[in-house]
Amino acid sequence: MSEVKVMKPGWRRVKFGDVVKLSKARSKDPMADGIERYVGLEHLEPGDLRIRRWGNVADGVTFTSIFKPGQVLFGKRRAYQRKVAVADFSGVCSGDIYVLETKDAQVLLPELLPFICQTDAFFDHAVATSAGSLSPRTNWTSLADFEFPLAPINEQKRLVDLLTATEQATEALENARNDAQTLLRSLSMDQFSKDGDTPQNLSTHYSVVSGQVDPKDSNYSDLPLIAPNHIESGTGRITGIESASQQAAISGKYLFDKGAVIYSKIRPNLVKAAIAPCRGLCSADMYALITKESLRNEYLLEILLSEHFTQFAVSGSMRTGIPKLNREHLAQYKCVVPDLEKQDEYLSRVRAIRDVEANLSQRRNAARKLKDQIISGGMGV
């Protein structure tokens, strides 16, 4: 049974299509019509309401859907990517982008529309109504049926002010987070790409777990099984843990102890590596690395996450099908491995930056959640 939500006085539930319309404006020849810019899905960034990139119509484009300043662009293909933006210039856009506007500004403020399109509920509806396996798309008929709570027009103005302030705070936090990531990349490049010291084979400082176990065996079936999809790209974070039995694993897996460094050998450009938080299993698509006394496991992780190592890994994984870093190429990687004291000094700086980045991420996510609560009437504002 679904939970019945009580709305605040004056609020009412409406269908998206009753207050929003899909623009039908088209241009057969954008260049002749004086249109200079075009926007494709690749130009929209998830979670960012601003359009920061675009293409030039003069370079050639087949797009015909016209958009104008103030209209909302919503990516209907792969809606799970959460691409919504507000146009601040005129142009044409991809057929995979809906151009939306309010039907009556006295019923729904145009400034409120993009925030509605950013809510979890709207995206959940768009994803649930998408069809197609490779490139799922939602459709206007389905989006028009989406229901949401709408505040009275006088309260909408106050909500827009609150949401705009929250959006600005979110953007500031995101910019600060990007600055922290840039600093971390710079620190990593300086550490692992520096000249002067004699590089050595990194493989002499760790061993690779070999020999597989049966994940169906009762000794291993309840252990966590880590696969590439459980690791976040470029951060060293594990995003979720499930046991081998929960994943219905049947093929052989590698057994590792807490503290092992897990690295995804497939698609090395995705930069997926993490330190095992407990004893567990990993798929055959991963290496489980055990550091020797001369190397901190955290330092090894930072090496694997570095651009210097990633360039090396990608250069040796070119092949047809899925790119894969084989063990022979991995063993050829060389870098400077400082003594433990210097490793600890570097890790201390890295931890400080990562702590700041994690804090900024949490605050940014909280700000995004607050926007969702404001628009749904879940806050006493």
Foldseek 3Di string as FASTA:
>chain_A
DDDDDDFDPQKDKDFQLVWKDWDPAWDQQCVVVVAFWEDEPVQFQAPDQARPDTDTCVVPDRFIAKEAALWKKQQQKPLVRRTIYGDRHIHGYDPRITTMATPDCQQPNSLCVRLVSNAPQLSVQSVVQFDDDPITGHDPVSSRRRMAMDHHSVVNVVLSVVLVVLSVVLVVLVVVLVVLVVVLQVLLCCAWVDDDDDKDFPCVFKDWFDDWDFCVDPVAQQFWEDEQVQFQFLQQDGNDTGGNVVVVDGDTWTWDAFQWKKFFFWPLVSLGIHGHRGTHTYHPRIITMGGDPFDHSVLVSSVSSHPVVSVQSQVQQDDPDIGGRDPVSSRPDITDRDGPVVSVVSVVVSVVSSVSSVVSVVVSVVSSVVSNCSRRNNDPD
